[in-house]
């Protein structure tokens, strides 16, 4: 869901259906491997067959195809002016985020919404400095936890208190991009909001299982 920064305020209603927590059975969820184990498994599209053998996954299966797609996305070059990294362990995610931000003193925010529905924004417990640098990490489809992390500049990150139409409470993380001049003019956000690159700041909520890192100070 995209919205303009001016619409991100207390009392605004937002439809966050896509943030609903996965209802997958516990035995189908994936978790980070210890770094030593993750680094012992090839993470490359050229060596996918070796990884599948080590993980006992059948060639051509849905899981193997999803892994192939994730590897290709991780191996695609970063867009101009942006760095990217696919973290295969929690330790590597922390290392990339802290080195990119230039400090070990960082905060991390994640959305905590248990049910997809319409929410009313009730407050902003935290908001980063306008136009600051951050690192966003997005969970990928893989045999174990893999996060696609990338550096984002000219953003404002907010922790947003939410009140559901069913009376439940939650917290969302909204990221506002204050400089969209380098975005693809065909980006969905421009079509949805009827704005052009370099125009009004564009905001969006991050789904559950995605995280945003930024300097604590």
N, C-alpha and C. Protein backbone atom coordinates (compact mmCIF):
# COMPACT_ATOMS: atom_id res chain seq x y z
N UNK A 1 0.83 -1.19 0.00
CA UNK A 1 0.00 0.00 0.00
C UNK A 1 0.88 1.25 0.00
N UNK A 2 0.63 2.14 -0.93
CA UNK A 2 1.36 3.40 -1.00
C UNK A 2 0.45 4.55 -0.58
N UNK A 3 1.05 5.54 0.05
CA UNK A 3 0.31 6.74 0.42
C UNK A 3 1.27 7.92 0.46
N UNK A 4 0.72 9.11 0.33
CA UNK A 4 1.54 10.31 0.40
C UNK A 4 1.86 10.63 1.85
N UNK A 5 3.01 11.28 2.06
CA UNK A 5 3.44 11.59 3.42
C UNK A 5 2.40 12.42 4.16
N UNK A 6 1.72 13.30 3.46
CA UNK A 6 0.70 14.14 4.09
C UNK A 6 -0.48 13.34 4.61
N UNK A 7 -0.67 12.12 4.07
CA UNK A 7 -1.79 11.26 4.51
C UNK A 7 -1.39 10.35 5.65
N UNK A 8 -0.11 10.37 6.02
CA UNK A 8 0.37 9.54 7.12
C UNK A 8 0.30 10.36 8.41
N UNK A 9 -0.85 10.37 9.05
CA UNK A 9 -1.05 11.17 10.25
C UNK A 9 -2.10 10.52 11.13
N UNK A 10 -2.11 10.91 12.39
CA UNK A 10 -3.07 10.34 13.35
C UNK A 10 -4.49 10.58 12.85
N UNK A 11 -5.28 9.52 12.95
CA UNK A 11 -6.67 9.59 12.50
C UNK A 11 -6.87 9.05 11.09
N UNK A 12 -5.79 8.92 10.32
CA UNK A 12 -5.91 8.38 8.96
C UNK A 12 -6.22 6.89 9.02
N UNK A 13 -6.99 6.41 8.06
CA UNK A 13 -7.31 4.99 7.96
C UNK A 13 -6.48 4.36 6.85
N UNK A 14 -5.92 3.20 7.15
CA UNK A 14 -5.08 2.49 6.19
C UNK A 14 -5.51 1.03 6.11
N UNK A 15 -5.55 0.50 4.91
CA UNK A 15 -5.93 -0.90 4.70
C UNK A 15 -4.66 -1.72 4.59
N UNK A 16 -4.40 -2.54 5.58
CA UNK A 16 -3.14 -3.29 5.63
C UNK A 16 -3.38 -4.79 5.50
N UNK A 17 -4.20 -5.18 4.54
CA UNK A 17 -4.49 -6.59 4.33
C UNK A 17 -3.22 -7.40 4.04
N UNK A 18 -2.28 -6.81 3.29
CA UNK A 18 -1.10 -7.58 2.87
C UNK A 18 -0.11 -7.81 4.00
N UNK A 19 -0.35 -7.20 5.17
CA UNK A 19 0.58 -7.37 6.29
C UNK A 19 0.25 -8.56 7.16
N UNK A 20 -0.86 -9.25 6.87
CA UNK A 20 -1.30 -10.32 7.76
C UNK A 20 -0.24 -11.39 7.92
N UNK A 21 -0.09 -11.86 9.16
CA UNK A 21 0.90 -12.90 9.43
C UNK A 21 0.58 -14.17 8.68
N UNK A 22 1.61 -14.87 8.27
CA UNK A 22 1.42 -16.12 7.56
C UNK A 22 0.75 -17.15 8.45
N UNK A 23 -0.17 -17.91 7.85
CA UNK A 23 -0.83 -18.97 8.60
C UNK A 23 -0.20 -20.32 8.30
N UNK A 24 1.00 -20.32 7.74
CA UNK A 24 1.67 -21.57 7.40
C UNK A 24 1.92 -22.40 8.64
N UNK A 25 1.80 -23.72 8.54
CA UNK A 25 2.11 -24.58 9.67
C UNK A 25 3.53 -24.37 10.14
N UNK A 26 3.76 -24.63 11.43
CA UNK A 26 5.08 -24.39 12.01
C UNK A 26 6.18 -25.14 11.28
N UNK A 27 5.85 -26.35 10.76
CA UNK A 27 6.91 -27.14 10.14
C UNK A 27 7.26 -26.67 8.73
N UNK A 28 6.53 -25.66 8.20
CA UNK A 28 6.88 -25.13 6.88
C UNK A 28 7.58 -23.78 6.98
N UNK A 29 7.71 -23.23 8.18
CA UNK A 29 8.39 -21.96 8.35
C UNK A 29 9.90 -22.18 8.28
N UNK A 30 10.60 -21.13 7.90
CA UNK A 30 12.05 -21.24 7.77
C UNK A 30 12.72 -20.27 8.74
N UNK A 31 13.92 -20.63 9.17
CA UNK A 31 14.66 -19.83 10.14
C UNK A 31 16.09 -19.66 9.66
N UNK A 32 16.78 -18.70 10.25
CA UNK A 32 18.19 -18.50 9.93
C UNK A 32 19.00 -19.73 10.34
N UNK A 33 19.99 -20.05 9.53
CA UNK A 33 20.99 -21.04 9.92
C UNK A 33 22.12 -20.31 10.64
N UNK A 34 22.87 -21.01 11.50
CA UNK A 34 24.09 -20.40 12.05
C UNK A 34 25.02 -20.03 10.89
N UNK A 35 25.76 -18.96 11.05
CA UNK A 35 26.61 -18.48 9.95
C UNK A 35 27.54 -19.57 9.43
N UNK A 36 28.15 -20.34 10.32
CA UNK A 36 29.09 -21.37 9.88
C UNK A 36 28.42 -22.40 8.98
N UNK A 37 27.18 -22.74 9.28
CA UNK A 37 26.46 -23.72 8.46
C UNK A 37 26.00 -23.09 7.15
N UNK A 38 25.50 -21.85 7.21
CA UNK A 38 25.05 -21.17 5.99
C UNK A 38 26.19 -20.98 5.02
N UNK A 39 27.37 -20.65 5.52
CA UNK A 39 28.52 -20.43 4.64
C UNK A 39 29.07 -21.72 4.04
N UNK A 40 28.69 -22.86 4.59
CA UNK A 40 29.13 -24.15 4.07
C UNK A 40 28.24 -24.63 2.91
N UNK A 41 27.14 -23.92 2.67
CA UNK A 41 26.21 -24.29 1.59
C UNK A 41 26.36 -23.26 0.47
N UNK A 42 26.66 -23.68 -0.76
CA UNK A 42 26.82 -22.72 -1.85
C UNK A 42 25.58 -21.84 -2.01
N UNK A 43 25.79 -20.55 -2.16
CA UNK A 43 24.68 -19.62 -2.39
C UNK A 43 24.94 -18.93 -3.72
N UNK A 44 24.69 -19.66 -4.79
CA UNK A 44 24.99 -19.19 -6.13
C UNK A 44 24.13 -19.96 -7.12
N UNK A 45 23.60 -19.26 -8.13
CA UNK A 45 22.77 -19.93 -9.13
C UNK A 45 23.58 -20.96 -9.90
N UNK A 46 24.90 -20.75 -10.01
CA UNK A 46 25.76 -21.70 -10.73
C UNK A 46 25.98 -22.99 -9.93
N UNK A 47 25.77 -22.91 -8.63
CA UNK A 47 25.97 -24.09 -7.80
C UNK A 47 24.68 -24.50 -7.08
N UNK A 48 23.54 -24.16 -7.71
CA UNK A 48 22.25 -24.49 -7.09
C UNK A 48 22.09 -25.99 -6.90
N UNK A 49 22.55 -26.77 -7.87
CA UNK A 49 22.40 -28.22 -7.76
C UNK A 49 23.13 -28.77 -6.54
N UNK A 50 24.28 -28.19 -6.22
CA UNK A 50 25.03 -28.63 -5.05
C UNK A 50 24.26 -28.28 -3.77
N UNK A 51 23.69 -27.08 -3.74
CA UNK A 51 22.91 -26.66 -2.57
C UNK A 51 21.69 -27.55 -2.40
N UNK A 52 21.02 -27.87 -3.50
CA UNK A 52 19.82 -28.72 -3.42
C UNK A 52 20.17 -30.10 -2.87
N UNK A 53 21.32 -30.62 -3.30
CA UNK A 53 21.75 -31.93 -2.81
C UNK A 53 22.04 -31.89 -1.32
N UNK A 54 22.73 -30.84 -0.87
CA UNK A 54 23.06 -30.70 0.55
C UNK A 54 21.79 -30.55 1.40
N UNK A 55 20.79 -29.89 0.84
CA UNK A 55 19.55 -29.61 1.59
C UNK A 55 18.48 -30.67 1.35
N UNK A 56 18.82 -31.68 0.53
CA UNK A 56 17.89 -32.79 0.24
C UNK A 56 16.59 -32.27 -0.38
N UNK A 57 16.73 -31.39 -1.38
CA UNK A 57 15.58 -30.82 -2.08
C UNK A 57 15.62 -31.30 -3.53
N UNK A 58 14.50 -31.73 -4.04
CA UNK A 58 14.43 -32.30 -5.39
C UNK A 58 14.58 -31.23 -6.47
N UNK A 59 15.36 -31.56 -7.50
CA UNK A 59 15.48 -30.68 -8.66
C UNK A 59 14.09 -30.51 -9.29
N UNK A 60 13.75 -29.29 -9.68
CA UNK A 60 12.48 -29.05 -10.35
C UNK A 60 11.29 -28.90 -9.43
N UNK A 61 11.49 -29.07 -8.12
CA UNK A 61 10.38 -28.91 -7.18
C UNK A 61 10.05 -27.42 -7.03
N UNK A 62 8.89 -27.14 -6.45
CA UNK A 62 8.49 -25.75 -6.26
C UNK A 62 9.49 -25.00 -5.39
N UNK A 63 10.02 -25.69 -4.38
CA UNK A 63 11.00 -25.05 -3.51
C UNK A 63 12.29 -24.76 -4.27
N UNK A 64 12.71 -25.68 -5.12
CA UNK A 64 13.93 -25.46 -5.91
C UNK A 64 13.75 -24.29 -6.87
N UNK A 65 12.58 -24.18 -7.47
CA UNK A 65 12.32 -23.07 -8.39
C UNK A 65 12.29 -21.74 -7.66
N UNK A 66 11.73 -21.73 -6.45
CA UNK A 66 11.71 -20.50 -5.65
C UNK A 66 13.13 -20.09 -5.25
N UNK A 67 13.96 -21.07 -4.91
CA UNK A 67 15.36 -20.79 -4.58
C UNK A 67 16.09 -20.21 -5.77
N UNK A 68 15.85 -20.75 -6.95
CA UNK A 68 16.49 -20.26 -8.17
C UNK A 68 16.12 -18.79 -8.42
N UNK A 69 14.85 -18.47 -8.23
CA UNK A 69 14.40 -17.10 -8.44
C UNK A 69 15.05 -16.14 -7.44
N UNK A 70 15.15 -16.57 -6.18
CA UNK A 70 15.78 -15.74 -5.16
C UNK A 70 17.26 -15.51 -5.47
N UNK A 71 17.95 -16.55 -5.89
CA UNK A 71 19.36 -16.41 -6.23
C UNK A 71 19.55 -15.44 -7.39
N UNK A 72 18.69 -15.52 -8.39
CA UNK A 72 18.81 -14.60 -9.53
C UNK A 72 18.58 -13.16 -9.10
N UNK A 73 17.62 -12.95 -8.21
CA UNK A 73 17.37 -11.60 -7.72
C UNK A 73 18.56 -11.09 -6.92
N UNK A 74 19.15 -11.96 -6.12
CA UNK A 74 20.30 -11.56 -5.33
C UNK A 74 21.51 -11.26 -6.20
N UNK A 75 21.61 -11.92 -7.34
CA UNK A 75 22.78 -11.74 -8.22
C UNK A 75 22.60 -10.61 -9.22
N UNK A 76 21.38 -10.09 -9.36
CA UNK A 76 21.17 -8.95 -10.25
C UNK A 76 21.94 -7.74 -9.72
N UNK A 77 22.48 -6.91 -10.60
CA UNK A 77 23.22 -5.73 -10.14
C UNK A 77 22.30 -4.75 -9.42
N UNK A 78 22.88 -4.03 -8.46
CA UNK A 78 22.11 -3.02 -7.73
C UNK A 78 21.84 -1.84 -8.65
N UNK A 79 20.76 -1.12 -8.37
CA UNK A 79 20.46 0.07 -9.15
C UNK A 79 21.50 1.14 -8.82
N UNK A 80 21.63 2.11 -9.68
CA UNK A 80 22.63 3.16 -9.52
C UNK A 80 22.48 3.87 -8.18
N UNK A 81 23.61 3.98 -7.48
CA UNK A 81 23.63 4.70 -6.21
C UNK A 81 23.14 3.89 -5.02
N UNK A 82 22.89 2.60 -5.20
CA UNK A 82 22.39 1.78 -4.10
C UNK A 82 23.25 0.55 -3.91
N UNK A 83 23.48 0.15 -2.68
CA UNK A 83 24.17 -1.10 -2.41
C UNK A 83 23.14 -2.13 -1.98
N UNK A 84 23.46 -3.40 -2.19
CA UNK A 84 22.53 -4.48 -1.84
C UNK A 84 23.32 -5.68 -1.37
N UNK A 85 22.63 -6.58 -0.64
CA UNK A 85 23.30 -7.76 -0.08
C UNK A 85 22.22 -8.75 0.32
N UNK A 86 22.44 -10.02 0.05
CA UNK A 86 21.52 -11.05 0.50
C UNK A 86 22.13 -11.75 1.71
N UNK A 87 21.47 -11.60 2.84
CA UNK A 87 21.96 -12.15 4.10
C UNK A 87 21.43 -13.57 4.29
N UNK A 88 22.35 -14.49 4.51
CA UNK A 88 21.96 -15.89 4.72
C UNK A 88 22.06 -16.30 6.19
N UNK A 89 22.42 -15.35 7.05
CA UNK A 89 22.47 -15.60 8.49
C UNK A 89 22.20 -14.29 9.20
N UNK A 90 21.78 -14.39 10.44
CA UNK A 90 21.53 -13.18 11.22
C UNK A 90 22.81 -12.38 11.38
N UNK A 91 23.92 -13.09 11.59
CA UNK A 91 25.20 -12.40 11.77
C UNK A 91 25.57 -11.58 10.54
N UNK A 92 25.34 -12.14 9.35
CA UNK A 92 25.70 -11.42 8.13
C UNK A 92 24.77 -10.24 7.90
N UNK A 93 23.51 -10.35 8.32
CA UNK A 93 22.59 -9.22 8.20
C UNK A 93 23.03 -8.07 9.09
N UNK A 94 23.42 -8.40 10.33
CA UNK A 94 23.89 -7.38 11.26
C UNK A 94 25.16 -6.72 10.73
N UNK A 95 26.10 -7.53 10.24
CA UNK A 95 27.37 -6.99 9.72
C UNK A 95 27.12 -6.04 8.56
N UNK A 96 26.26 -6.43 7.63
CA UNK A 96 26.00 -5.57 6.47
C UNK A 96 25.32 -4.26 6.91
N UNK A 97 24.35 -4.37 7.79
CA UNK A 97 23.59 -3.18 8.21
C UNK A 97 24.48 -2.20 8.96
N UNK A 98 25.28 -2.70 9.89
CA UNK A 98 26.12 -1.80 10.68
C UNK A 98 27.25 -1.19 9.84
N UNK A 99 27.83 -1.97 8.93
CA UNK A 99 28.90 -1.44 8.09
C UNK A 99 28.35 -0.42 7.10
N UNK A 100 27.16 -0.66 6.57
CA UNK A 100 26.55 0.27 5.62
C UNK A 100 26.17 1.57 6.31
N UNK A 101 25.67 1.48 7.53
CA UNK A 101 25.26 2.67 8.26
C UNK A 101 26.44 3.36 8.94
N UNK A 102 27.58 2.67 9.02
CA UNK A 102 28.79 3.28 9.58
C UNK A 102 28.79 3.37 11.09
N UNK A 103 27.99 2.54 11.76
CA UNK A 103 27.94 2.55 13.22
C UNK A 103 27.37 1.24 13.73
N UNK A 104 27.82 0.85 14.94
CA UNK A 104 27.26 -0.32 15.60
C UNK A 104 26.07 0.05 16.48
N UNK A 105 25.85 1.35 16.63
CA UNK A 105 24.74 1.85 17.47
C UNK A 105 23.52 2.04 16.57
N UNK A 106 22.73 0.98 16.43
CA UNK A 106 21.61 1.00 15.49
C UNK A 106 20.32 0.60 16.18
N UNK A 107 19.22 0.99 15.56
CA UNK A 107 17.89 0.53 15.96
C UNK A 107 17.32 -0.31 14.82
N UNK A 108 16.42 -1.20 15.16
CA UNK A 108 15.76 -2.00 14.14
C UNK A 108 14.26 -2.01 14.43
N UNK A 109 13.47 -1.86 13.39
CA UNK A 109 12.02 -1.83 13.54
C UNK A 109 11.40 -2.91 12.64
N UNK A 110 10.32 -3.49 13.14
CA UNK A 110 9.58 -4.49 12.36
C UNK A 110 8.08 -4.31 12.63
N UNK A 111 7.29 -4.58 11.63
CA UNK A 111 5.84 -4.49 11.77
C UNK A 111 5.33 -5.65 12.62
N UNK A 112 4.34 -5.37 13.45
CA UNK A 112 3.72 -6.41 14.28
C UNK A 112 2.21 -6.28 14.16
N UNK A 113 1.68 -6.86 13.10
CA UNK A 113 0.24 -6.85 12.84
C UNK A 113 -0.20 -8.28 12.64
N UNK A 114 -1.14 -8.73 13.45
CA UNK A 114 -1.55 -10.14 13.42
C UNK A 114 -2.70 -10.42 12.46
N UNK A 115 -3.41 -9.38 12.06
CA UNK A 115 -4.59 -9.59 11.22
C UNK A 115 -4.66 -8.51 10.17
N UNK A 116 -4.86 -8.91 8.91
CA UNK A 116 -5.02 -7.95 7.85
C UNK A 116 -6.42 -7.36 7.88
N UNK A 117 -6.50 -6.05 7.95
CA UNK A 117 -7.79 -5.36 8.02
C UNK A 117 -7.55 -3.86 7.88
N UNK A 118 -8.58 -3.07 8.03
CA UNK A 118 -8.43 -1.61 8.04
C UNK A 118 -8.04 -1.15 9.43
N UNK A 119 -7.02 -0.30 9.49
CA UNK A 119 -6.53 0.23 10.75
C UNK A 119 -6.62 1.75 10.75
N UNK A 120 -6.75 2.30 11.95
CA UNK A 120 -6.69 3.74 12.13
C UNK A 120 -5.38 4.08 12.83
N UNK A 121 -4.64 5.02 12.28
CA UNK A 121 -3.38 5.44 12.89
C UNK A 121 -3.69 6.22 14.16
N UNK A 122 -3.11 5.75 15.28
CA UNK A 122 -3.41 6.40 16.57
C UNK A 122 -2.22 7.14 17.16
N UNK A 123 -1.05 7.03 16.54
CA UNK A 123 0.10 7.75 17.07
C UNK A 123 1.39 7.33 16.40
N UNK A 124 2.47 8.06 16.75
CA UNK A 124 3.79 7.80 16.20
C UNK A 124 4.79 7.76 17.35
N UNK A 125 4.99 6.57 17.97
CA UNK A 125 5.92 6.47 19.10
C UNK A 125 7.36 6.82 18.74
N UNK A 126 7.70 6.66 17.46
CA UNK A 126 9.08 6.95 17.05
C UNK A 126 9.10 7.39 15.60
N UNK A 127 9.99 8.33 15.29
CA UNK A 127 10.22 8.75 13.91
C UNK A 127 11.68 9.13 13.75
N UNK A 128 12.32 8.58 12.72
CA UNK A 128 13.74 8.90 12.48
C UNK A 128 13.87 10.30 11.91
N UNK A 129 15.11 10.75 11.83
CA UNK A 129 15.36 12.06 11.25
C UNK A 129 14.97 12.06 9.77
N UNK A 130 14.40 13.16 9.32
CA UNK A 130 13.97 13.27 7.93
C UNK A 130 15.17 13.14 6.99
N UNK A 131 14.99 12.35 5.93
CA UNK A 131 16.03 12.22 4.91
C UNK A 131 17.23 11.40 5.31
N UNK A 132 17.10 10.59 6.36
CA UNK A 132 18.25 9.82 6.85
C UNK A 132 18.48 8.55 6.03
N UNK A 133 19.61 7.91 6.28
CA UNK A 133 19.95 6.65 5.62
C UNK A 133 19.42 5.49 6.44
N UNK A 134 19.01 4.42 5.76
CA UNK A 134 18.55 3.22 6.46
C UNK A 134 18.88 2.00 5.62
N UNK A 135 18.71 0.83 6.21
CA UNK A 135 18.87 -0.43 5.50
C UNK A 135 17.58 -1.23 5.67
N UNK A 136 16.96 -1.56 4.55
CA UNK A 136 15.73 -2.36 4.58
C UNK A 136 16.07 -3.79 4.18
N UNK A 137 15.53 -4.75 4.92
CA UNK A 137 15.78 -6.16 4.65
C UNK A 137 14.45 -6.88 4.46
N UNK A 138 14.33 -7.56 3.31
CA UNK A 138 13.07 -8.18 2.92
C UNK A 138 13.25 -9.70 2.85
N UNK A 139 12.37 -10.42 3.52
CA UNK A 139 12.47 -11.87 3.55
C UNK A 139 12.19 -12.47 2.18
N UNK A 140 13.01 -13.43 1.79
CA UNK A 140 12.89 -14.08 0.49
C UNK A 140 12.43 -15.53 0.63
N UNK A 141 12.02 -16.09 -0.49
CA UNK A 141 11.58 -17.49 -0.50
C UNK A 141 12.80 -18.38 -0.72
N UNK A 142 13.14 -19.17 0.30
CA UNK A 142 14.32 -20.02 0.22
C UNK A 142 14.16 -21.18 1.20
N UNK A 143 15.08 -22.13 1.14
CA UNK A 143 14.98 -23.31 2.02
C UNK A 143 15.24 -22.96 3.47
N UNK A 144 15.99 -21.89 3.69
CA UNK A 144 16.22 -21.35 5.04
C UNK A 144 16.10 -19.84 4.93
N UNK A 145 16.15 -19.15 6.03
CA UNK A 145 15.91 -17.70 6.01
C UNK A 145 16.98 -16.97 5.22
N UNK A 146 16.55 -16.21 4.24
CA UNK A 146 17.41 -15.34 3.45
C UNK A 146 16.71 -13.98 3.34
N UNK A 147 17.46 -12.92 3.58
CA UNK A 147 16.90 -11.57 3.50
C UNK A 147 17.65 -10.76 2.45
N UNK A 148 16.89 -10.13 1.58
CA UNK A 148 17.44 -9.20 0.59
C UNK A 148 17.52 -7.83 1.24
N UNK A 149 18.73 -7.35 1.50
CA UNK A 149 18.94 -6.08 2.20
C UNK A 149 19.50 -5.05 1.22
N UNK A 150 19.05 -3.83 1.36
CA UNK A 150 19.57 -2.77 0.50
C UNK A 150 19.58 -1.45 1.25
N UNK A 151 20.53 -0.64 0.88
CA UNK A 151 20.67 0.68 1.47
C UNK A 151 19.65 1.63 0.86
N UNK A 152 19.01 2.42 1.69
CA UNK A 152 18.08 3.43 1.20
C UNK A 152 18.46 4.77 1.80
N UNK A 153 18.55 5.77 0.96
CA UNK A 153 18.84 7.12 1.43
C UNK A 153 17.61 8.00 1.24
N UNK A 154 17.62 9.14 1.88
CA UNK A 154 16.52 10.10 1.75
C UNK A 154 15.20 9.47 2.19
N UNK A 155 15.21 8.86 3.37
CA UNK A 155 14.00 8.24 3.89
C UNK A 155 13.73 8.71 5.32
N UNK A 156 12.48 8.58 5.72
CA UNK A 156 12.08 8.77 7.10
C UNK A 156 11.34 7.51 7.53
N UNK A 157 11.76 6.92 8.64
CA UNK A 157 11.15 5.69 9.13
C UNK A 157 10.36 5.98 10.40
N UNK A 158 9.14 5.49 10.45
CA UNK A 158 8.27 5.74 11.61
C UNK A 158 7.70 4.45 12.17
N UNK A 159 7.64 4.36 13.50
CA UNK A 159 6.88 3.30 14.15
C UNK A 159 5.48 3.85 14.38
N UNK A 160 4.48 3.17 13.86
CA UNK A 160 3.11 3.70 13.83
C UNK A 160 2.19 2.84 14.69
N UNK A 161 1.52 3.45 15.65
CA UNK A 161 0.53 2.74 16.47
C UNK A 161 -0.75 2.61 15.67
N UNK A 162 -1.33 1.41 15.66
CA UNK A 162 -2.50 1.12 14.85
C UNK A 162 -3.63 0.54 15.69
N UNK A 163 -4.85 0.92 15.37
CA UNK A 163 -6.05 0.38 16.01
C UNK A 163 -6.93 -0.24 14.94
N UNK A 164 -7.15 -1.57 15.05
CA UNK A 164 -7.91 -2.27 14.03
C UNK A 164 -9.40 -2.04 14.16
N UNK A 165 -10.12 -2.25 13.07
CA UNK A 165 -11.57 -2.06 13.09
C UNK A 165 -12.25 -3.09 13.99
N UNK A 166 -11.54 -4.17 14.33
CA UNK A 166 -12.10 -5.16 15.25
C UNK A 166 -11.70 -4.87 16.70
N UNK A 167 -11.02 -3.74 16.93
CA UNK A 167 -10.63 -3.36 18.28
C UNK A 167 -9.23 -3.77 18.67
N UNK A 168 -8.56 -4.58 17.84
CA UNK A 168 -7.21 -5.04 18.15
C UNK A 168 -6.20 -3.92 17.91
N UNK A 169 -5.04 -4.05 18.54
CA UNK A 169 -3.98 -3.07 18.39
C UNK A 169 -2.77 -3.70 17.74
N UNK A 170 -1.96 -2.89 17.09
CA UNK A 170 -0.74 -3.37 16.48
C UNK A 170 0.19 -2.21 16.22
N UNK A 171 1.35 -2.54 15.70
CA UNK A 171 2.32 -1.52 15.32
C UNK A 171 2.82 -1.80 13.91
N UNK A 172 2.86 -0.75 13.12
CA UNK A 172 3.38 -0.87 11.77
C UNK A 172 4.63 -0.05 11.61
N UNK A 173 5.41 -0.35 10.59
CA UNK A 173 6.59 0.44 10.26
C UNK A 173 6.35 1.06 8.89
N UNK A 174 6.36 2.38 8.86
CA UNK A 174 6.15 3.12 7.61
C UNK A 174 7.45 3.78 7.18
N UNK A 175 7.79 3.62 5.93
CA UNK A 175 8.98 4.23 5.36
C UNK A 175 8.54 5.24 4.31
N UNK A 176 9.00 6.48 4.46
CA UNK A 176 8.68 7.52 3.50
C UNK A 176 9.93 7.89 2.70
N UNK A 177 9.82 7.87 1.40
CA UNK A 177 10.93 8.19 0.50
C UNK A 177 10.79 9.66 0.08
N UNK A 178 11.75 10.47 0.50
CA UNK A 178 11.64 11.91 0.28
C UNK A 178 12.22 12.37 -1.05
N UNK A 179 12.96 11.47 -1.73
CA UNK A 179 13.54 11.82 -3.03
C UNK A 179 13.31 10.66 -3.99
N UNK A 180 12.37 10.79 -4.89
CA UNK A 180 12.02 9.72 -5.84
C UNK A 180 12.47 10.04 -7.26
N UNK A 181 13.39 10.97 -7.41
CA UNK A 181 13.82 11.37 -8.76
C UNK A 181 14.46 10.22 -9.53
N UNK A 182 15.09 9.28 -8.83
CA UNK A 182 15.76 8.18 -9.51
C UNK A 182 14.88 6.96 -9.72
N UNK A 183 13.62 7.02 -9.32
CA UNK A 183 12.73 5.87 -9.48
C UNK A 183 12.29 5.71 -10.94
N UNK A 184 11.95 4.49 -11.28
CA UNK A 184 11.39 4.21 -12.60
C UNK A 184 10.06 4.95 -12.75
N UNK A 185 9.90 5.75 -13.80
CA UNK A 185 8.64 6.49 -13.98
C UNK A 185 7.41 5.61 -14.04
N UNK A 186 7.62 4.30 -14.33
CA UNK A 186 6.49 3.37 -14.40
C UNK A 186 6.21 2.68 -13.07
N UNK A 187 6.90 3.10 -12.01
CA UNK A 187 6.70 2.50 -10.69
C UNK A 187 5.23 2.57 -10.31
N UNK A 188 4.75 1.48 -9.71
CA UNK A 188 3.33 1.40 -9.34
C UNK A 188 2.89 2.55 -8.45
N UNK A 189 3.77 3.02 -7.57
CA UNK A 189 3.41 4.08 -6.64
C UNK A 189 2.96 5.35 -7.37
N UNK A 190 3.65 5.68 -8.47
CA UNK A 190 3.29 6.88 -9.22
C UNK A 190 1.89 6.75 -9.84
N UNK A 191 1.58 5.54 -10.30
CA UNK A 191 0.26 5.31 -10.91
C UNK A 191 -0.84 5.35 -9.86
N UNK A 192 -0.58 4.74 -8.70
CA UNK A 192 -1.60 4.68 -7.64
C UNK A 192 -1.87 6.06 -7.06
N UNK A 193 -0.81 6.85 -6.88
CA UNK A 193 -0.94 8.14 -6.20
C UNK A 193 -1.05 9.33 -7.16
N UNK A 194 -0.93 9.06 -8.45
CA UNK A 194 -1.03 10.12 -9.47
C UNK A 194 0.00 11.23 -9.22
N UNK A 195 1.24 10.83 -8.98
CA UNK A 195 2.33 11.79 -8.81
C UNK A 195 3.46 11.39 -9.76
N UNK A 196 4.45 12.26 -9.87
CA UNK A 196 5.57 12.03 -10.77
C UNK A 196 6.88 11.91 -9.98
N UNK A 197 7.91 11.31 -10.59
CA UNK A 197 9.21 11.22 -9.91
C UNK A 197 9.69 12.59 -9.47
N UNK A 198 10.20 12.66 -8.24
CA UNK A 198 10.68 13.92 -7.69
C UNK A 198 9.60 14.76 -7.07
N UNK A 199 8.39 14.24 -7.02
CA UNK A 199 7.28 14.98 -6.43
C UNK A 199 7.16 14.76 -4.93
N UNK A 200 5.94 14.72 -4.44
CA UNK A 200 5.68 14.58 -3.01
C UNK A 200 6.26 13.28 -2.48
N UNK A 201 6.77 13.27 -1.23
CA UNK A 201 7.30 12.04 -0.63
C UNK A 201 6.27 10.91 -0.64
N UNK A 202 6.75 9.70 -0.94
CA UNK A 202 5.89 8.52 -1.03
C UNK A 202 6.21 7.58 0.12
N UNK A 203 5.16 7.11 0.79
CA UNK A 203 5.32 6.25 1.96
C UNK A 203 4.69 4.88 1.70
N UNK A 204 5.16 3.90 2.45
CA UNK A 204 4.55 2.57 2.41
C UNK A 204 4.85 1.86 3.72
N UNK A 205 3.98 0.93 4.10
CA UNK A 205 4.20 0.09 5.27
C UNK A 205 4.95 -1.16 4.85
N UNK A 206 5.88 -1.61 5.69
CA UNK A 206 6.60 -2.84 5.38
C UNK A 206 5.84 -4.03 5.97
N UNK A 207 5.81 -5.16 5.28
CA UNK A 207 5.09 -6.33 5.77
C UNK A 207 5.75 -6.94 7.00
N UNK A 208 5.02 -7.83 7.66
CA UNK A 208 5.61 -8.63 8.73
C UNK A 208 6.79 -9.41 8.16
N UNK A 209 7.77 -9.70 9.01
CA UNK A 209 8.97 -10.47 8.65
C UNK A 209 9.98 -9.67 7.84
N UNK A 210 9.70 -8.37 7.62
CA UNK A 210 10.69 -7.49 7.01
C UNK A 210 11.15 -6.52 8.10
N UNK A 211 12.39 -6.03 7.99
CA UNK A 211 12.93 -5.17 9.03
C UNK A 211 13.64 -3.97 8.42
N UNK A 212 13.73 -2.89 9.20
CA UNK A 212 14.45 -1.70 8.77
C UNK A 212 15.45 -1.34 9.87
N UNK A 213 16.69 -1.12 9.46
CA UNK A 213 17.78 -0.73 10.36
C UNK A 213 18.14 0.73 10.10
N UNK A 214 18.49 1.48 11.15
CA UNK A 214 18.90 2.87 10.98
C UNK A 214 19.73 3.29 12.18
N UNK A 215 20.55 4.32 12.04
CA UNK A 215 21.39 4.76 13.16
C UNK A 215 20.54 5.16 14.37
N UNK A 216 21.00 4.78 15.57
CA UNK A 216 20.24 5.08 16.78
C UNK A 216 20.24 6.56 17.08
N UNK A 217 21.27 7.26 16.66
CA UNK A 217 21.35 8.69 16.98
C UNK A 217 20.98 9.55 15.77
